[in-house]
PDB file of N, CA and C in Angstrom:
ATOM      1  N   UNK A   1     117.682  94.385  94.114  1.00  0.00           N
ATOM      2  CA  UNK A   1     118.067  93.049  95.482  1.00  0.00           C
ATOM      3  C   UNK A   1     117.165  92.191  94.991  1.00  0.00           C
ATOM      4  N   UNK A   2     118.256  90.943  95.405  1.00  0.00           N
ATOM      5  CA  UNK A   2     117.456  89.762  94.509  1.00  0.00           C
ATOM      6  C   UNK A   2     116.421  89.115  95.628  1.00  0.00           C
ATOM      7  N   UNK A   3     115.774  88.670  95.242  1.00  0.00           N
ATOM      8  CA  UNK A   3     114.426  88.164  96.218  1.00  0.00           C
ATOM      9  C   UNK A   3     114.763  87.286  97.469  1.00  0.00           C
ATOM     10  N   UNK A   4     115.540  86.222  97.436  1.00  0.00           N
ATOM     11  CA  UNK A   4     116.592  86.079  98.491  1.00  0.00           C
ATOM     12  C   UNK A   4     117.402  86.169  99.488  1.00  0.00           C
ATOM     13  N   UNK A   5     117.207  87.803  99.593  1.00  0.00           N
ATOM     14  CA  UNK A   5     118.388  88.622 100.338  1.00  0.00           C
ATOM     15  C   UNK A   5     117.058  89.135 101.357  1.00  0.00           C
ATOM     16  N   UNK A   6     117.719  89.500 102.163  1.00  0.00           N
ATOM     17  CA  UNK A   6     116.667  89.975 103.622  1.00  0.00           C
ATOM     18  C   UNK A   6     117.177  90.987 104.025  1.00  0.00           C
ATOM     19  N   UNK A   7     116.865  91.984 104.365  1.00  0.00           N
ATOM     20  CA  UNK A   7     116.920  93.294 105.476  1.00  0.00           C
ATOM     21  C   UNK A   7     116.671  93.649 106.438  1.00  0.00           C
ATOM     22  N   UNK A   8     116.995  93.425 107.680  1.00  0.00           N
ATOM     23  CA  UNK A   8     116.819  93.219 109.250  1.00  0.00           C
ATOM     24  C   UNK A   8     116.191  94.873 109.481  1.00  0.00           C
ATOM     25  N   UNK A   9     115.136  94.928 109.761  1.00  0.00           N
ATOM     26  CA  UNK A   9     114.547  96.164 110.219  1.00  0.00           C
ATOM     27  C   UNK A   9     113.819  95.867 111.518  1.00  0.00           C
ATOM     28  N   UNK A  10     113.747  97.126 112.850  1.00  0.00           N
ATOM     29  CA  UNK A  10     113.175  97.059 113.601  1.00  0.00           C
ATOM     30  C   UNK A  10     112.117  98.126 113.811  1.00  0.00           C
ATOM     31  N   UNK A  11     111.250  97.813 114.141  1.00  0.00           N
ATOM     32  CA  UNK A  11     109.411  99.049 114.222  1.00  0.00           C
ATOM     33  C   UNK A  11     109.014  98.520 115.754  1.00  0.00           C
ATOM     34  N   UNK A  12     108.637  99.463 115.617  1.00  0.00           N
ATOM     35  CA  UNK A  12     108.139  99.665 117.131  1.00  0.00           C
ATOM     36  C   UNK A  12     106.221  99.675 116.711  1.00  0.00           C
ATOM     37  N   UNK A  13     105.226  99.019 117.229  1.00  0.00           N
ATOM     38  CA  UNK A  13     103.962  98.779 116.796  1.00  0.00           C
ATOM     39  C   UNK A  13     103.164  99.674 117.921  1.00  0.00           C
ATOM     40  N   UNK A  14     101.763 100.116 117.130  1.00  0.00           N
ATOM     41  CA  UNK A  14     101.014 100.256 118.773  1.00  0.00           C
ATOM     42  C   UNK A  14     100.410  99.245 118.818  1.00  0.00           C
ATOM     43  N   UNK A  15     100.134  99.243 120.178  1.00  0.00           N
ATOM     44  CA  UNK A  15      99.699  97.787 121.246  1.00  0.00           C
ATOM     45  C   UNK A  15      98.745  96.970 120.406  1.00  0.00           C
ATOM     46  N   UNK A  16      97.250  98.180 120.116  1.00  0.00           N
ATOM     47  CA  UNK A  16      96.220  96.833 119.375  1.00  0.00           C
ATOM     48  C   UNK A  16      96.871  96.539 117.573  1.00  0.00           C
ATOM     49  N   UNK A  17      97.516  97.339 117.174  1.00  0.00           N
ATOM     50  CA  UNK A  17      98.001  96.406 116.114  1.00  0.00           C
ATOM     51  C   UNK A  17      98.799  95.559 116.246  1.00  0.00           C
ATOM     52  N   UNK A  18      99.661  95.509 117.702  1.00  0.00           N
ATOM     53  CA  UNK A  18     100.490  94.353 118.016  1.00  0.00           C
ATOM     54  C   UNK A  18      99.726  92.971 118.426  1.00  0.00           C
ATOM     55  N   UNK A  19      98.767  93.254 119.037  1.00  0.00           N
ATOM     56  CA  UNK A  19      97.174  92.013 118.995  1.00  0.00           C
ATOM     57  C   UNK A  19      96.976  91.626 117.881  1.00  0.00           C
ATOM     58  N   UNK A  20      96.558  92.427 117.075  1.00  0.00           N
ATOM     59  CA  UNK A  20      96.052  91.995 115.933  1.00  0.00           C
ATOM     60  C   UNK A  20      96.493  91.127 115.177  1.00  0.00           C
ATOM     61  N   UNK A  21      97.761  91.468 115.070  1.00  0.00           N
ATOM     62  CA  UNK A  21      99.029  90.563 114.260  1.00  0.00           C
ATOM     63  C   UNK A  21      99.171  89.462 114.841  1.00  0.00           C
ATOM     64  N   UNK A  22      99.423  89.371 116.288  1.00  0.00           N
ATOM     65  CA  UNK A  22      99.725  88.184 117.091  1.00  0.00           C
ATOM     66  C   UNK A  22      99.026  87.303 117.124  1.00  0.00           C
ATOM     67  N   UNK A  23      97.244  87.864 116.571  1.00  0.00           N
ATOM     68  CA  UNK A  23      96.115  87.117 116.671  1.00  0.00           C
ATOM     69  C   UNK A  23      96.124  86.321 115.006  1.00  0.00           C
ATOM     70  N   UNK A  24      96.174  87.166 114.071  1.00  0.00           N
ATOM     71  CA  UNK A  24      96.353  87.122 112.878  1.00  0.00           C
ATOM     72  C   UNK A  24      97.665  85.442 112.865  1.00  0.00           C
ATOM     73  N   UNK A  25      98.505  85.743 113.356  1.00  0.00           N
ATOM     74  CA  UNK A  25      99.388  84.942 113.405  1.00  0.00           C
ATOM     75  C   UNK A  25      99.242  83.465 113.999  1.00  0.00           C
ATOM     76  N   UNK A  26      98.702  83.645 115.374  1.00  0.00           N
ATOM     77  CA  UNK A  26      98.067  82.218 115.920  1.00  0.00           C
ATOM     78  C   UNK A  26      96.608  81.473 115.057  1.00  0.00           C
ATOM     79  N   UNK A  27      95.888  82.208 114.207  1.00  0.00           N
ATOM     80  CA  UNK A  27      94.839  81.699 113.601  1.00  0.00           C
ATOM     81  C   UNK A  27      95.101  81.321 112.806  1.00  0.00           C
ATOM     82  N   UNK A  28      96.895  82.063 111.936  1.00  0.00           N
ATOM     83  CA  UNK A  28      97.233  81.046 110.568  1.00  0.00           C
ATOM     84  C   UNK A  28      98.375  80.299 110.774  1.00  0.00           C
ATOM     85  N   UNK A  29      98.376  80.002 111.550  1.00  0.00           N
ATOM     86  CA  UNK A  29      99.529  79.137 112.612  1.00  0.00           C
ATOM     87  C   UNK A  29     100.679  79.569 112.025  1.00  0.00           C
ATOM     88  N   UNK A  30     100.973  81.136 111.954  1.00  0.00           N
ATOM     89  CA  UNK A  30     102.407  81.867 110.817  1.00  0.00           C
ATOM     90  C   UNK A  30     103.407  82.239 112.087  1.00  0.00           C
ATOM     91  N   UNK A  31     104.324  82.678 111.420  1.00  0.00           N
ATOM     92  CA  UNK A  31     104.768  83.901 112.714  1.00  0.00           C
ATOM     93  C   UNK A  31     104.768  85.091 112.443  1.00  0.00           C
ATOM     94  N   UNK A  32     104.402  85.941 113.590  1.00  0.00           N
ATOM     95  CA  UNK A  32     104.627  87.294 113.481  1.00  0.00           C
ATOM     96  C   UNK A  32     105.137  87.918 112.234  1.00  0.00           C
ATOM     97  N   UNK A  33     106.488  87.486 112.056  1.00  0.00           N
ATOM     98  CA  UNK A  33     107.040  88.313 110.982  1.00  0.00           C
ATOM     99  C   UNK A  33     106.637  88.083 109.493  1.00  0.00           C
ATOM    100  N   UNK A  34     105.985  86.413 109.419  1.00  0.00           N
ATOM    101  CA  UNK A  34     105.590  86.502 108.203  1.00  0.00           C
ATOM    102  C   UNK A  34     103.750  87.008 107.926  1.00  0.00           C
ATOM    103  N   UNK A  35     103.755  87.040 109.183  1.00  0.00           N
ATOM    104  CA  UNK A  35     102.064  88.158 108.725  1.00  0.00           C
ATOM    105  C   UNK A  35     102.085  89.497 108.839  1.00  0.00           C
ATOM    106  N   UNK A  36     103.307  89.817 109.089  1.00  0.00           N
ATOM    107  CA  UNK A  36     103.566  91.455 109.245  1.00  0.00           C
ATOM    108  C   UNK A  36     104.153  91.603 107.804  1.00  0.00           C
ATOM    109  N   UNK A  37     105.220  90.583 106.882  1.00  0.00           N
ATOM    110  CA  UNK A  37     105.371  90.793 105.520  1.00  0.00           C
ATOM    111  C   UNK A  37     104.342  90.258 104.974  1.00  0.00           C
ATOM    112  N   UNK A  38     103.230  89.718 105.290  1.00  0.00           N
ATOM    113  CA  UNK A  38     102.452  89.121 104.482  1.00  0.00           C
ATOM    114  C   UNK A  38     101.548  90.621 104.244  1.00  0.00           C
ATOM    115  N   UNK A  39     101.229  91.225 105.223  1.00  0.00           N
ATOM    116  CA  UNK A  39     100.300  92.432 105.320  1.00  0.00           C
ATOM    117  C   UNK A  39     101.089  93.632 104.871  1.00  0.00           C
ATOM    118  N   UNK A  40     102.295  93.967 104.874  1.00  0.00           N
ATOM    119  CA  UNK A  40     103.184  94.737 104.316  1.00  0.00           C
ATOM    120  C   UNK A  40     102.758  94.938 102.735  1.00  0.00           C
ATOM    121  N   UNK A  41     103.241  93.586 102.190  1.00  0.00           N
ATOM    122  CA  UNK A  41     102.972  93.229 100.570  1.00  0.00           C
ATOM    123  C   UNK A  41     102.159  93.455  99.642  1.00  0.00           C
ATOM    124  N   UNK A  42     100.701  93.031 100.805  1.00  0.00           N
ATOM    125  CA  UNK A  42      99.404  93.170 100.795  1.00  0.00           C
ATOM    126  C   UNK A  42      99.103  94.700 100.436  1.00  0.00           C
ATOM    127  N   UNK A  43      99.728  95.821 101.212  1.00  0.00           N
ATOM    128  CA  UNK A  43      99.388  96.926 101.459  1.00  0.00           C
ATOM    129  C   UNK A  43      99.997  97.576  99.931  1.00  0.00           C
ATOM    130  N   UNK A  44     101.451  96.913 100.036  1.00  0.00           N
ATOM    131  CA  UNK A  44     102.229  97.577  98.618  1.00  0.00           C
ATOM    132  C   UNK A  44     101.383  97.823  97.827  1.00  0.00           C
ATOM    133  N   UNK A  45     100.698  95.894  97.248  1.00  0.00           N
ATOM    134  CA  UNK A  45      99.934  96.242  96.393  1.00  0.00           C
ATOM    135  C   UNK A  45      98.979  96.684  95.973  1.00  0.00           C
ATOM    136  N   UNK A  46      97.933  96.605  97.289  1.00  0.00           N
ATOM    137  CA  UNK A  46      97.055  97.900  97.110  1.00  0.00           C
ATOM    138  C   UNK A  46      96.970  98.989  96.612  1.00  0.00           C
ATOM    139  N   UNK A  47      98.039  99.772  97.558  1.00  0.00           N
ATOM    140  CA  UNK A  47      98.901 101.402  96.814  1.00  0.00           C
ATOM    141  C   UNK A  47      99.020 101.494  95.472  1.00  0.00           C
ATOM    142  N   UNK A  48      99.636 100.147  95.170  1.00  0.00           N
ATOM    143  CA  UNK A  48      99.956  99.984  93.610  1.00  0.00           C
ATOM    144  C   UNK A  48      98.606 100.257  92.559  1.00  0.00           C
ATOM    145  N   UNK A  49      97.843  99.501  93.069  1.00  0.00           N
ATOM    146  CA  UNK A  49      96.689  99.167  92.456  1.00  0.00           C
ATOM    147  C   UNK A  49      95.740 100.776  92.109  1.00  0.00           C
ATOM    148  N   UNK A  50      95.452 101.192  93.364  1.00  0.00           N
ATOM    149  CA  UNK A  50      94.926 102.301  93.949  1.00  0.00           C
ATOM    150  C   UNK A  50      95.633 103.353  92.886  1.00  0.00           C
ATOM    151  N   UNK A  51      96.939 103.384  92.799  1.00  0.00           N
ATOM    152  CA  UNK A  51      97.842 104.361  91.932  1.00  0.00           C
ATOM    153  C   UNK A  51      97.082 104.342  90.674  1.00  0.00           C
ATOM    154  N   UNK A  52      97.238 103.100  89.886  1.00  0.00           N
ATOM    155  CA  UNK A  52      97.151 102.523  88.628  1.00  0.00           C
ATOM    156  C   UNK A  52      95.674 103.287  88.557  1.00  0.00           C
ATOM    157  N   UNK A  53      95.067 102.924  89.924  1.00  0.00           N
ATOM    158  CA  UNK A  53      93.160 103.078  89.509  1.00  0.00           C
ATOM    159  C   UNK A  53      92.825 105.318  88.943  1.00  0.00           C
ATOM    160  N   UNK A  54      94.147 105.870  89.939  1.00  0.00           N
ATOM    161  CA  UNK A  54      93.844 107.107  89.808  1.00  0.00           C
ATOM    162  C   UNK A  54      94.056 107.495  88.533  1.00  0.00           C
ATOM    163  N   UNK A  55      95.228 107.372  87.839  1.00  0.00           N
ATOM    164  CA  UNK A  55      96.260 107.244  86.727  1.00  0.00           C
ATOM    165  C   UNK A  55      94.913 106.986  85.555  1.00  0.00           C
ATOM    166  N   UNK A  56      94.562 106.035  85.953  1.00  0.00           N
ATOM    167  CA  UNK A  56      93.373 106.039  84.946  1.00  0.00           C
ATOM    168  C   UNK A  56      92.111 106.944  84.901  1.00  0.00           C
ATOM    169  N   UNK A  57      91.900 107.143  85.844  1.00  0.00           N
ATOM    170  CA  UNK A  57      91.017 108.019  86.107  1.00  0.00           C
ATOM    171  C   UNK A  57      91.014 109.427  85.758  1.00  0.00           C
ATOM    172  N   UNK A  58      92.482 109.882  85.777  1.00  0.00           N
ATOM    173  CA  UNK A  58      93.111 111.345  85.452  1.00  0.00           C
ATOM    174  C   UNK A  58      93.533 111.415  83.774  1.00  0.00           C
ATOM    175  N   UNK A  59      93.297 110.126  83.435  1.00  0.00           N
ATOM    176  CA  UNK A  59      93.295 110.193  81.910  1.00  0.00           C
ATOM    177  C   UNK A  59      91.759 110.370  81.135  1.00  0.00           C
ATOM    178  N   UNK A  60      91.215 109.440  81.523  1.00  0.00           N
ATOM    179  CA  UNK A  60      89.583 109.460  81.664  1.00  0.00           C
ATOM    180  C   UNK A  60      89.159 110.997  81.487  1.00  0.00           C
ATOM    181  N   UNK A  61      89.656 111.541  82.452  1.00  0.00           N
ATOM    182  CA  UNK A  61      88.955 113.147  82.901  1.00  0.00           C
ATOM    183  C   UNK A  61      90.094 113.810  81.767  1.00  0.00           C
ATOM    184  N   UNK A  62      91.419 113.651  81.665  1.00  0.00           N
ATOM    185  CA  UNK A  62      91.244 114.567  80.607  1.00  0.00           C
ATOM    186  C   UNK A  62      91.062 114.068  79.189  1.00  0.00           C
ATOM    187  N   UNK A  63      90.608 113.302  79.012  1.00  0.00           N
ATOM    188  CA  UNK A  63      89.790 113.131  77.235  1.00  0.00           C
ATOM    189  C   UNK A  63      88.559 113.371  77.606  1.00  0.00           C
ATOM    190  N   UNK A  64      87.927 113.559  78.751  1.00  0.00           N
ATOM    191  CA  UNK A  64      86.597 113.714  78.762  1.00  0.00           C
ATOM    192  C   UNK A  64      86.308 115.157  77.747  1.00  0.00           C
ATOM    193  N   UNK A  65      84.993 114.738  77.229  1.00  0.00           N
ATOM    194  CA  UNK A  65      84.300 116.175  76.949  1.00  0.00           C
ATOM    195  C   UNK A  65      83.447 116.371  77.153  1.00  0.00           C
ATOM    196  N   UNK A  66      82.388 115.708  77.490  1.00  0.00           N
ATOM    197  CA  UNK A  66      80.702 116.038  78.431  1.00  0.00           C
ATOM    198  C   UNK A  66      81.137 116.642  79.011  1.00  0.00           C
ATOM    199  N   UNK A  67      80.759 117.961  79.491  1.00  0.00           N
ATOM    200  CA  UNK A  67      80.653 118.469  80.555  1.00  0.00           C
ATOM    201  C   UNK A  67      79.896 117.726  82.128  1.00  0.00           C
ATOM    202  N   UNK A  68      79.147 116.806  81.877  1.00  0.00           N
ATOM    203  CA  UNK A  68      77.998 115.942  82.897  1.00  0.00           C
ATOM    204  C   UNK A  68      79.424 114.944  83.150  1.00  0.00           C
ATOM    205  N   UNK A  69      80.302 114.482  82.580  1.00  0.00           N
ATOM    206  CA  UNK A  69      81.598 112.960  82.353  1.00  0.00           C
ATOM    207  C   UNK A  69      82.175 114.102  83.102  1.00  0.00           C
ATOM    208  N   UNK A  70      82.839 115.024  82.941  1.00  0.00           N
ATOM    209  CA  UNK A  70      84.016 115.931  83.686  1.00  0.00           C
ATOM    210  C   UNK A  70      83.377 116.590  84.961  1.00  0.00           C
ATOM    211  N   UNK A  71      82.405 116.455  85.406  1.00  0.00           N
ATOM    212  CA  UNK A  71      82.076 116.350  86.765  1.00  0.00           C
ATOM    213  C   UNK A  71      81.555 115.173  87.441  1.00  0.00           C
ATOM    214  N   UNK A  72      81.418 114.399  86.842  1.00  0.00           N
ATOM    215  CA  UNK A  72      81.200 112.823  87.525  1.00  0.00           C
ATOM    216  C   UNK A  72      82.417 112.533  87.774  1.00  0.00           C
ATOM    217  N   UNK A  73      83.854 112.544  86.742  1.00  0.00           N
ATOM    218  CA  UNK A  73      84.800 111.831  86.958  1.00  0.00           C
ATOM    219  C   UNK A  73      85.789 112.711  87.804  1.00  0.00           C
ATOM    220  N   UNK A  74      85.910 114.360  88.011  1.00  0.00           N
ATOM    221  CA  UNK A  74      85.821 115.254  88.763  1.00  0.00           C
ATOM    222  C   UNK A  74      85.788 114.822  90.255  1.00  0.00           C
ATOM    223  N   UNK A  75      84.769 114.692  90.033  1.00  0.00           N
ATOM    224  CA  UNK A  75      84.221 114.108  92.131  1.00  0.00           C
ATOM    225  C   UNK A  75      84.898 113.031  92.140  1.00  0.00           C
ATOM    226  N   UNK A  76      84.801 111.961  90.909  1.00  0.00           N
ATOM    227  CA  UNK A  76      85.747 110.740  91.864  1.00  0.00           C
ATOM    228  C   UNK A  76      87.326 110.953  91.794  1.00  0.00           C
ATOM    229  N   UNK A  77      87.307 111.776  91.281  1.00  0.00           N
ATOM    230  CA  UNK A  77      89.379 112.283  91.210  1.00  0.00           C
ATOM    231  C   UNK A  77      89.382 112.496  93.012  1.00  0.00           C
ATOM    232  N   UNK A  78      88.124 113.837  92.835  1.00  0.00           N
ATOM    233  CA  UNK A  78      87.768 114.628  94.439  1.00  0.00           C
ATOM    234  C   UNK A  78      88.357 113.545  95.587  1.00  0.00           C
ATOM    235  N   UNK A  79      87.458 112.718  95.673  1.00  0.00           N
ATOM    236  CA  UNK A  79      87.058 111.349  96.453  1.00  0.00           C
ATOM    237  C   UNK A  79      88.127 110.922  96.196  1.00  0.00           C
ATOM    238  N   UNK A  80      88.852 110.576  95.518  1.00  0.00           N
ATOM    239  CA  UNK A  80      90.301 109.730  95.649  1.00  0.00           C
ATOM    240  C   UNK A  80      91.435 110.886  96.718  1.00  0.00           C
ATOM    241  N   UNK A  81      91.520 111.669  96.209  1.00  0.00           N
ATOM    242  CA  UNK A  81      92.267 112.823  96.666  1.00  0.00           C
ATOM    243  C   UNK A  81      91.919 113.187  98.154  1.00  0.00           C
ATOM    244  N   UNK A  82      90.518 113.286  98.499  1.00  0.00           N
ATOM    245  CA  UNK A  82      90.570 113.831  99.447  1.00  0.00           C
ATOM    246  C   UNK A  82      89.552 112.832 100.641  1.00  0.00           C
ATOM    247  N   UNK A  83      88.968 111.463 100.053  1.00  0.00           N
ATOM    248  CA  UNK A  83      88.195 110.387 100.613  1.00  0.00           C
ATOM    249  C   UNK A  83      87.050 110.630 100.257  1.00  0.00           C
ATOM    250  N   UNK A  84      86.220 109.714 101.082  1.00  0.00           N
ATOM    251  CA  UNK A  84      84.767 109.941 100.617  1.00  0.00           C
ATOM    252  C   UNK A  84      84.048 110.779 102.177  1.00  0.00           C
TER     253      UNK A  84
END
């Protein structure tokens, strides 16, 4: 889909999230819609970066030979999957 095309979506936000979006919009002098787009874009970029980091870590884990390094990398992967 070309970048200049848009798709209309409807969503419901929890009241606290809606208040935060409105506050950001007011502070930045932007529309709520623009703030939501920025937040979604940032979230997508963060998710992609996290995924890349996980695959980099998994590759290191697969190629590791040292038992201490394997344990350390395994622990890091566990934190990725299950949180800290």
